[in-house]
Amino acid sequence: MSSFKTSLCIIIPVYNHSDNLSAFVRKIIKRKFPVILVDDGSDRSCKQIMVELEQEIDGVTLKSHPINLGKGAAVKTGLKVAMEAGFSHALQIDADGQHNIDDIPRFISEMNKQPFACISGFAKYDKTVPKLRYYGRFATHLWVWINTLSRVIKDSMCGFRIYPVEQSYQLFSEEKMGDRMEFDSEFMVRWCWTGRPIVQIQTNIIYPENGVSHFNLFRDNLLIAWMHARLFFGMLKRLPKLIKQKISNS
């Protein structure tokens, strides 16, 4: 096990998740990790809930965007706050209740073993998953495998992951990445390109009844398609380096 001293916070991007947000944050904070809420331009009622959570609960920090900028932008903001606060790692978890918080100890265990790795979930779905979303993910999996020349990344779209804060912030500061639903996959591909390690843990994903999703079928699919095209040409530029990297790892 590494002797690297780790300190973890939890980042929760929030955009109009009023119904269960208070109970969800209170459940998370019981695990004794500081929570950074990033309000991504939510409506007044949701903002008020977050303000009250910050005021009432020690360990909750609120950072707000004046308008909705996208999930990726919210994660970037959360990582910036985490870095400024001196945390070595940040666990991203969605506010919609899809992620199994009982798996957090498994993620932390791998983080402590490999503190310089991105520890990311790969999804195991139950019957609640919408079929269109389920089958649509395979197109992204295929493009990710093409753009990394490998199948190292089992699932680039799962937003349940631990980021090494300093290295992650440096990466998206140096490499332009999308600010909306395309961010999760783009980050994973660009992280893979650097040669840094990736650990993936299978985790149950559920789609709660009355859950809130802000996936915009037209806009976000268009952004994801453009992201894959952008990464493909980026892969071509890096092709000799990626081939050499692949040979050295084989």
C-alpha atoms as a PDB file:
ATOM      1  CA  MET A   1       0.000   0.000   0.000  1.00  0.00           C
ATOM      2  CA  SER A   2       1.261   3.479  -0.846  1.00  0.00           C
ATOM      3  CA  SER A   3       2.469   5.765   1.969  1.00  0.00           C
ATOM      4  CA  PHE A   4       1.031   8.775   0.101  1.00  0.00           C
ATOM      5  CA  LYS A   5      -1.213  10.705   2.507  1.00  0.00           C
ATOM      6  CA  THR A   6      -4.673  11.100   1.016  1.00  0.00           C
ATOM      7  CA  SER A   7      -7.496  13.468   1.915  1.00  0.00           C
ATOM      8  CA  LEU A   8     -10.872  13.014   0.248  1.00  0.00           C
ATOM      9  CA  CYS A   9     -13.854  15.261  -0.334  1.00  0.00           C
ATOM     10  CA  ILE A  10     -17.076  14.550  -2.207  1.00  0.00           C
ATOM     11  CA  ILE A  11     -18.281  16.689  -5.133  1.00  0.00           C
ATOM     12  CA  ILE A  12     -21.990  16.710  -5.960  1.00  0.00           C
ATOM     13  CA  PRO A  13     -23.031  18.666  -9.090  1.00  0.00           C
ATOM     14  CA  VAL A  14     -26.611  19.884  -8.639  1.00  0.00           C
ATOM     15  CA  TYR A  15     -29.126  21.222 -11.133  1.00  0.00           C
ATOM     16  CA  ASN A  16     -32.741  21.278  -9.917  1.00  0.00           C
ATOM     17  CA  HIS A  17     -32.638  18.119  -7.801  1.00  0.00           C
ATOM     18  CA  SER A  18     -34.898  19.522  -5.077  1.00  0.00           C
ATOM     19  CA  ASP A  19     -36.974  16.491  -4.092  1.00  0.00           C
ATOM     20  CA  ASN A  20     -34.400  14.225  -2.466  1.00  0.00           C
ATOM     21  CA  LEU A  21     -31.328  16.461  -2.251  1.00  0.00           C
ATOM     22  CA  SER A  22     -31.465  17.237   1.467  1.00  0.00           C
ATOM     23  CA  ALA A  23     -31.871  13.589   2.490  1.00  0.00           C
ATOM     24  CA  PHE A  24     -29.176  12.523   0.016  1.00  0.00           C
ATOM     25  CA  VAL A  25     -26.592  15.021   1.293  1.00  0.00           C
ATOM     26  CA  ARG A  26     -27.356  14.142   4.924  1.00  0.00           C
ATOM     27  CA  LYS A  27     -26.824  10.468   4.084  1.00  0.00           C
ATOM     28  CA  ILE A  28     -23.499  11.270   2.398  1.00  0.00           C
ATOM     29  CA  ILE A  29     -22.208  13.509   5.195  1.00  0.00           C
ATOM     30  CA  LYS A  30     -22.670  10.649   7.698  1.00  0.00           C
ATOM     31  CA  ARG A  31     -19.671   9.044   6.022  1.00  0.00           C
ATOM     32  CA  LYS A  32     -17.530  11.797   7.569  1.00  0.00           C
ATOM     33  CA  PHE A  33     -16.185  13.297   4.330  1.00  0.00           C
ATOM     34  CA  PRO A  34     -16.546  17.004   3.459  1.00  0.00           C
ATOM     35  CA  VAL A  35     -19.082  17.686   0.712  1.00  0.00           C
ATOM     36  CA  ILE A  36     -18.764  20.321  -2.018  1.00  0.00           C
ATOM     37  CA  LEU A  37     -22.131  21.142  -3.564  1.00  0.00           C
ATOM     38  CA  VAL A  38     -21.878  22.837  -6.940  1.00  0.00           C
ATOM     39  CA  ASP A  39     -25.102  24.622  -7.817  1.00  0.00           C
ATOM     40  CA  ASP A  40     -25.156  24.707 -11.611  1.00  0.00           C
ATOM     41  CA  GLY A  41     -27.741  27.467 -12.031  1.00  0.00           C
ATOM     42  CA  SER A  42     -30.613  25.740 -10.209  1.00  0.00           C
ATOM     43  CA  ASP A  43     -34.030  27.283  -9.615  1.00  0.00           C
ATOM     44  CA  ARG A  44     -34.828  29.259  -6.471  1.00  0.00           C
ATOM     45  CA  SER A  45     -36.265  26.378  -4.441  1.00  0.00           C
ATOM     46  CA  CYS A  46     -33.270  24.128  -5.080  1.00  0.00           C
ATOM     47  CA  LYS A  47     -30.841  26.974  -4.324  1.00  0.00           C
ATOM     48  CA  GLN A  48     -32.573  27.541  -0.990  1.00  0.00           C
ATOM     49  CA  ILE A  49     -32.164  23.888  -0.038  1.00  0.00           C
ATOM     50  CA  MET A  50     -28.434  24.076  -0.752  1.00  0.00           C
ATOM     51  CA  VAL A  51     -28.018  27.324   1.190  1.00  0.00           C
ATOM     52  CA  GLU A  52     -29.738  25.725   4.182  1.00  0.00           C
ATOM     53  CA  LEU A  53     -27.576  22.605   3.946  1.00  0.00           C
ATOM     54  CA  GLU A  54     -24.402  24.715   4.000  1.00  0.00           C
ATOM     55  CA  GLN A  55     -25.674  26.720   6.974  1.00  0.00           C
ATOM     56  CA  GLU A  56     -26.889  23.748   8.982  1.00  0.00           C
ATOM     57  CA  ILE A  57     -24.253  21.070   8.394  1.00  0.00           C
ATOM     58  CA  ASP A  58     -20.561  21.310   9.201  1.00  0.00           C
ATOM     59  CA  GLY A  59     -18.497  20.068   6.286  1.00  0.00           C
ATOM     60  CA  VAL A  60     -20.837  21.209   3.510  1.00  0.00           C
ATOM     61  CA  THR A  61     -19.502  23.890   1.143  1.00  0.00           C
ATOM     62  CA  LEU A  62     -21.627  25.496  -1.563  1.00  0.00           C
ATOM     63  CA  LYS A  63     -20.270  26.963  -4.797  1.00  0.00           C
ATOM     64  CA  SER A  64     -22.764  28.425  -7.274  1.00  0.00           C
ATOM     65  CA  HIS A  65     -22.861  29.129 -10.998  1.00  0.00           C
ATOM     66  CA  PRO A  66     -25.122  32.081 -11.856  1.00  0.00           C
ATOM     67  CA  ILE A  67     -26.500  30.169 -14.862  1.00  0.00           C
ATOM     68  CA  ASN A  68     -26.573  26.548 -15.983  1.00  0.00           C
ATOM     69  CA  LEU A  69     -23.186  25.742 -17.535  1.00  0.00           C
ATOM     70  CA  GLY A  70     -23.379  21.950 -17.617  1.00  0.00           C
ATOM     71  CA  LYS A  71     -22.387  18.962 -15.523  1.00  0.00           C
ATOM     72  CA  GLY A  72     -18.811  19.019 -16.777  1.00  0.00           C
ATOM     73  CA  ALA A  73     -18.428  22.668 -15.839  1.00  0.00           C
ATOM     74  CA  ALA A  74     -19.796  21.877 -12.371  1.00  0.00           C
ATOM     75  CA  VAL A  75     -17.274  19.064 -11.875  1.00  0.00           C
ATOM     76  CA  LYS A  76     -14.437  21.356 -12.988  1.00  0.00           C
ATOM     77  CA  THR A  77     -15.577  23.992 -10.499  1.00  0.00           C
ATOM     78  CA  GLY A  78     -15.790  21.382  -7.746  1.00  0.00           C
ATOM     79  CA  LEU A  79     -12.278  20.151  -8.464  1.00  0.00           C
ATOM     80  CA  LYS A  80     -10.972  23.722  -8.380  1.00  0.00           C
ATOM     81  CA  VAL A  81     -12.587  24.262  -4.968  1.00  0.00           C
ATOM     82  CA  ALA A  82     -11.169  20.920  -3.771  1.00  0.00           C
ATOM     83  CA  MET A  83      -7.660  21.862  -4.908  1.00  0.00           C
ATOM     84  CA  GLU A  84      -7.828  25.277  -3.250  1.00  0.00           C
ATOM     85  CA  ALA A  85      -8.961  23.578  -0.038  1.00  0.00           C
ATOM     86  CA  GLY A  86      -5.971  21.224  -0.145  1.00  0.00           C
ATOM     87  CA  PHE A  87      -7.718  17.896  -0.810  1.00  0.00           C
ATOM     88  CA  SER A  88      -5.684  15.252  -2.607  1.00  0.00           C
ATOM     89  CA  HIS A  89      -8.727  13.444  -4.026  1.00  0.00           C
ATOM     90  CA  ALA A  90     -12.363  14.143  -4.858  1.00  0.00           C
ATOM     91  CA  LEU A  91     -15.182  11.670  -5.330  1.00  0.00           C
ATOM     92  CA  GLN A  92     -17.739  12.770  -7.921  1.00  0.00           C
ATOM     93  CA  ILE A  93     -21.231  11.460  -7.242  1.00  0.00           C
ATOM     94  CA  ASP A  94     -24.437  12.488  -8.991  1.00  0.00           C
ATOM     95  CA  ALA A  95     -27.323  14.096  -7.109  1.00  0.00           C
ATOM     96  CA  ASP A  96     -30.016  12.017  -8.832  1.00  0.00           C
ATOM     97  CA  GLY A  97     -29.556   8.899  -6.692  1.00  0.00           C
ATOM     98  CA  GLN A  98     -28.256   6.652  -9.487  1.00  0.00           C
ATOM     99  CA  HIS A  99     -25.009   5.763  -7.740  1.00  0.00           C
ATOM    100  CA  ASN A 100     -24.656   3.138  -5.030  1.00  0.00           C
ATOM    101  CA  ILE A 101     -23.101   5.016  -2.112  1.00  0.00           C
ATOM    102  CA  ASP A 102     -22.507   1.714  -0.311  1.00  0.00           C
ATOM    103  CA  ASP A 103     -19.678   1.173  -2.809  1.00  0.00           C
ATOM    104  CA  ILE A 104     -17.791   4.259  -1.618  1.00  0.00           C
ATOM    105  CA  PRO A 105     -15.509   2.207   0.709  1.00  0.00           C
ATOM    106  CA  ARG A 106     -14.480   0.018  -2.243  1.00  0.00           C
ATOM    107  CA  PHE A 107     -13.482   3.116  -4.225  1.00  0.00           C
ATOM    108  CA  ILE A 108     -11.560   4.531  -1.278  1.00  0.00           C
ATOM    109  CA  SER A 109      -9.722   1.242  -0.759  1.00  0.00           C
ATOM    110  CA  GLU A 110      -8.458   1.358  -4.364  1.00  0.00           C
ATOM    111  CA  MET A 111      -7.604   5.051  -4.007  1.00  0.00           C
ATOM    112  CA  ASN A 112      -5.374   4.264  -1.036  1.00  0.00           C
ATOM    113  CA  LYS A 113      -3.660   1.480  -2.959  1.00  0.00           C
ATOM    114  CA  GLN A 114      -3.152   3.587  -6.112  1.00  0.00           C
ATOM    115  CA  PRO A 115      -3.351   7.295  -5.189  1.00  0.00           C
ATOM    116  CA  PHE A 116      -2.284   8.485  -8.628  1.00  0.00           C
ATOM    117  CA  ALA A 117      -4.960   6.508 -10.486  1.00  0.00           C
ATOM    118  CA  CYS A 118      -8.390   7.616 -11.606  1.00  0.00           C
ATOM    119  CA  ILE A 119     -10.766   5.274  -9.774  1.00  0.00           C
ATOM    120  CA  SER A 120     -13.936   5.010 -11.822  1.00  0.00           C
ATOM    121  CA  GLY A 121     -17.075   2.924 -11.750  1.00  0.00           C
ATOM    122  CA  PHE A 122     -18.329   0.824 -14.613  1.00  0.00           C
ATOM    123  CA  ALA A 123     -22.024   0.309 -14.647  1.00  0.00           C
ATOM    124  CA  LYS A 124     -24.040  -2.771 -13.823  1.00  0.00           C
ATOM    125  CA  TYR A 125     -27.658  -1.946 -14.613  1.00  0.00           C
ATOM    126  CA  ASP A 126     -30.891  -3.345 -13.296  1.00  0.00           C
ATOM    127  CA  LYS A 127     -34.286  -3.379 -15.022  1.00  0.00           C
ATOM    128  CA  THR A 128     -34.868   0.318 -14.271  1.00  0.00           C
ATOM    129  CA  VAL A 129     -32.452   1.468 -17.006  1.00  0.00           C
ATOM    130  CA  PRO A 130     -34.150   3.058 -20.053  1.00  0.00           C
ATOM    131  CA  LYS A 131     -33.413   0.820 -23.045  1.00  0.00           C
ATOM    132  CA  LEU A 132     -32.508   3.731 -25.335  1.00  0.00           C
ATOM    133  CA  ARG A 133     -29.876   4.960 -22.865  1.00  0.00           C
ATOM    134  CA  TYR A 134     -28.576   1.414 -22.324  1.00  0.00           C
ATOM    135  CA  TYR A 135     -27.999   0.594 -25.975  1.00  0.00           C
ATOM    136  CA  GLY A 136     -26.864   4.104 -26.843  1.00  0.00           C
ATOM    137  CA  ARG A 137     -23.885   3.723 -24.515  1.00  0.00           C
ATOM    138  CA  PHE A 138     -22.348   1.072 -26.755  1.00  0.00           C
ATOM    139  CA  ALA A 139     -21.609   3.603 -29.486  1.00  0.00           C
ATOM    140  CA  THR A 140     -19.589   5.646 -27.005  1.00  0.00           C
ATOM    141  CA  HIS A 141     -17.799   2.525 -25.735  1.00  0.00           C
ATOM    142  CA  LEU A 142     -16.771   1.709 -29.312  1.00  0.00           C
ATOM    143  CA  TRP A 143     -15.467   5.203 -30.020  1.00  0.00           C
ATOM    144  CA  VAL A 144     -13.566   5.284 -26.731  1.00  0.00           C
ATOM    145  CA  TRP A 145     -11.853   2.002 -27.601  1.00  0.00           C
ATOM    146  CA  ILE A 146     -10.935   3.407 -31.022  1.00  0.00           C
ATOM    147  CA  ASN A 147      -9.642   6.686 -29.619  1.00  0.00           C
ATOM    148  CA  THR A 148      -7.495   4.985 -26.975  1.00  0.00           C
ATOM    149  CA  LEU A 149      -6.429   2.028 -29.168  1.00  0.00           C
ATOM    150  CA  SER A 150      -7.396  -0.219 -26.272  1.00  0.00           C
ATOM    151  CA  ARG A 151     -10.249  -1.566 -24.159  1.00  0.00           C
ATOM    152  CA  VAL A 152      -8.695  -0.383 -20.914  1.00  0.00           C
ATOM    153  CA  ILE A 153     -11.687   1.906 -20.305  1.00  0.00           C
ATOM    154  CA  LYS A 154     -14.654  -0.349 -19.671  1.00  0.00           C
ATOM    155  CA  ASP A 155     -17.116   2.489 -19.114  1.00  0.00           C
ATOM    156  CA  SER A 156     -16.250   6.128 -19.721  1.00  0.00           C
ATOM    157  CA  MET A 157     -19.733   7.460 -19.032  1.00  0.00           C
ATOM    158  CA  CYS A 158     -20.137   6.534 -15.376  1.00  0.00           C
ATOM    159  CA  GLY A 159     -19.897   9.717 -13.316  1.00  0.00           C
ATOM    160  CA  PHE A 160     -19.129   7.850 -10.085  1.00  0.00           C
ATOM    161  CA  ARG A 161     -15.358   8.261  -9.767  1.00  0.00           C
ATOM    162  CA  ILE A 162     -12.445   9.463  -7.656  1.00  0.00           C
ATOM    163  CA  TYR A 163     -10.159  12.071  -9.204  1.00  0.00           C
ATOM    164  CA  PRO A 164      -6.602  12.762  -8.054  1.00  0.00           C
ATOM    165  CA  VAL A 165      -7.268  16.475  -7.691  1.00  0.00           C
ATOM    166  CA  GLU A 166      -4.015  18.142  -8.722  1.00  0.00           C
ATOM    167  CA  GLN A 167      -3.392  15.943 -11.771  1.00  0.00           C
ATOM    168  CA  SER A 168      -7.017  16.173 -12.895  1.00  0.00           C
ATOM    169  CA  TYR A 169      -7.148  19.943 -12.559  1.00  0.00           C
ATOM    170  CA  GLN A 170      -3.900  20.224 -14.510  1.00  0.00           C
ATOM    171  CA  LEU A 171      -5.281  18.011 -17.290  1.00  0.00           C
ATOM    172  CA  PHE A 172      -8.465  19.968 -17.955  1.00  0.00           C
ATOM    173  CA  SER A 173      -6.554  23.235 -17.583  1.00  0.00           C
ATOM    174  CA  GLU A 174      -4.179  22.173 -20.358  1.00  0.00           C
ATOM    175  CA  GLU A 175      -6.668  20.310 -22.577  1.00  0.00           C
ATOM    176  CA  LYS A 176      -9.951  21.905 -23.642  1.00  0.00           C
ATOM    177  CA  MET A 177     -12.831  19.646 -22.629  1.00  0.00           C
ATOM    178  CA  GLY A 178     -16.582  19.883 -22.991  1.00  0.00           C
ATOM    179  CA  ASP A 179     -18.704  21.328 -20.191  1.00  0.00           C
ATOM    180  CA  ARG A 180     -21.817  19.174 -20.438  1.00  0.00           C
ATOM    181  CA  MET A 181     -22.608  15.461 -20.587  1.00  0.00           C
ATOM    182  CA  GLU A 182     -19.629  14.769 -22.826  1.00  0.00           C
ATOM    183  CA  PHE A 183     -17.165  15.665 -20.071  1.00  0.00           C
ATOM    184  CA  ASP A 184     -17.100  12.268 -18.317  1.00  0.00           C
ATOM    185  CA  SER A 185     -16.013  10.354 -21.431  1.00  0.00           C
ATOM    186  CA  GLU A 186     -13.666  13.030 -22.708  1.00  0.00           C
ATOM    187  CA  PHE A 187     -11.848  13.229 -19.398  1.00  0.00           C
ATOM    188  CA  MET A 188     -11.319   9.463 -19.325  1.00  0.00           C
ATOM    189  CA  VAL A 189      -9.894   9.357 -22.851  1.00  0.00           C
ATOM    190  CA  ARG A 190      -7.545  12.264 -22.232  1.00  0.00           C
ATOM    191  CA  TRP A 191      -6.480  10.791 -18.892  1.00  0.00           C
ATOM    192  CA  CYS A 192      -5.723   7.500 -20.672  1.00  0.00           C
ATOM    193  CA  TRP A 193      -3.666   9.356 -23.284  1.00  0.00           C
ATOM    194  CA  THR A 194      -1.357  10.653 -20.544  1.00  0.00           C
ATOM    195  CA  GLY A 195      -0.484   7.086 -19.569  1.00  0.00           C
ATOM    196  CA  ARG A 196      -1.752   7.580 -16.020  1.00  0.00           C
ATOM    197  CA  PRO A 197      -3.366   4.529 -14.398  1.00  0.00           C
ATOM    198  CA  ILE A 198      -7.094   3.793 -14.428  1.00  0.00           C
ATOM    199  CA  VAL A 199      -8.856   1.461 -12.008  1.00  0.00           C
ATOM    200  CA  GLN A 200     -12.470   0.542 -12.727  1.00  0.00           C
ATOM    201  CA  ILE A 201     -14.891  -0.990 -10.241  1.00  0.00           C
ATOM    202  CA  GLN A 202     -18.205  -2.535 -11.216  1.00  0.00           C
ATOM    203  CA  THR A 203     -21.048  -0.784  -9.423  1.00  0.00           C
ATOM    204  CA  ASN A 204     -24.822  -1.025  -9.525  1.00  0.00           C
ATOM    205  CA  ILE A 205     -26.565   1.878 -11.268  1.00  0.00           C
ATOM    206  CA  ILE A 206     -30.271   2.450 -10.748  1.00  0.00           C
ATOM    207  CA  TYR A 207     -32.752   4.856 -12.296  1.00  0.00           C
ATOM    208  CA  PRO A 208     -34.947   5.885  -9.332  1.00  0.00           C
ATOM    209  CA  GLU A 209     -38.678   6.260  -9.778  1.00  0.00           C
ATOM    210  CA  ASN A 210     -39.403   9.958 -10.384  1.00  0.00           C
ATOM    211  CA  GLY A 211     -35.661  10.527 -10.816  1.00  0.00           C
ATOM    212  CA  VAL A 212     -34.516  13.739 -12.499  1.00  0.00           C
ATOM    213  CA  SER A 213     -32.373  13.505 -15.629  1.00  0.00           C
ATOM    214  CA  HIS A 214     -31.109  16.538 -17.504  1.00  0.00           C
ATOM    215  CA  PHE A 215     -29.840  14.628 -20.519  1.00  0.00           C
ATOM    216  CA  ASN A 216     -31.009  16.578 -23.562  1.00  0.00           C
ATOM    217  CA  LEU A 217     -31.485  14.027 -26.327  1.00  0.00           C
ATOM    218  CA  PHE A 218     -30.635  16.365 -29.227  1.00  0.00           C
ATOM    219  CA  ARG A 219     -28.121  18.765 -27.682  1.00  0.00           C
ATOM    220  CA  ASP A 220     -26.148  16.261 -25.637  1.00  0.00           C
ATOM    221  CA  ASN A 221     -26.012  13.603 -28.360  1.00  0.00           C
ATOM    222  CA  LEU A 222     -24.724  16.275 -30.740  1.00  0.00           C
ATOM    223  CA  LEU A 223     -22.073  17.363 -28.239  1.00  0.00           C
ATOM    224  CA  ILE A 224     -21.053  13.748 -27.640  1.00  0.00           C
ATOM    225  CA  ALA A 225     -20.762  13.106 -31.399  1.00  0.00           C
ATOM    226  CA  TRP A 226     -18.590  16.207 -31.804  1.00  0.00           C
ATOM    227  CA  MET A 227     -16.489  15.118 -28.822  1.00  0.00           C
ATOM    228  CA  HIS A 228     -15.829  11.711 -30.406  1.00  0.00           C
ATOM    229  CA  ALA A 229     -14.821  13.354 -33.690  1.00  0.00           C
ATOM    230  CA  ARG A 230     -12.521  15.781 -31.874  1.00  0.00           C
ATOM    231  CA  LEU A 231     -10.915  12.938 -29.942  1.00  0.00           C
ATOM    232  CA  PHE A 232     -10.486  10.855 -33.086  1.00  0.00           C
ATOM    233  CA  PHE A 233      -8.371  13.547 -34.739  1.00  0.00           C
ATOM    234  CA  GLY A 234      -6.532  14.004 -31.457  1.00  0.00           C
ATOM    235  CA  MET A 235      -5.808  10.291 -31.440  1.00  0.00           C
ATOM    236  CA  LEU A 236      -4.413  10.475 -34.989  1.00  0.00           C
ATOM    237  CA  LYS A 237      -2.009  13.228 -33.902  1.00  0.00           C
ATOM    238  CA  ARG A 238      -0.882  11.083 -30.964  1.00  0.00           C
ATOM    239  CA  LEU A 239      -0.834   7.809 -32.890  1.00  0.00           C
ATOM    240  CA  PRO A 240       2.942   7.079 -32.747  1.00  0.00           C
ATOM    241  CA  LYS A 241       3.050   7.858 -29.020  1.00  0.00           C
ATOM    242  CA  LEU A 242      -0.051   5.753 -28.314  1.00  0.00           C
ATOM    243  CA  ILE A 243       1.319   2.793 -30.270  1.00  0.00           C
ATOM    244  CA  LYS A 244       4.606   3.016 -28.396  1.00  0.00           C
ATOM    245  CA  GLN A 245       2.714   3.249 -25.113  1.00  0.00           C
ATOM    246  CA  LYS A 246       0.619   0.231 -26.033  1.00  0.00           C
ATOM    247  CA  ILE A 247       3.692  -1.842 -26.928  1.00  0.00           C
ATOM    248  CA  SER A 248       5.457  -0.920 -23.697  1.00  0.00           C
ATOM    249  CA  ASN A 249       2.408  -1.946 -21.651  1.00  0.00           C
ATOM    250  CA  SER A 250       1.934  -5.260 -23.432  1.00  0.00           C
END
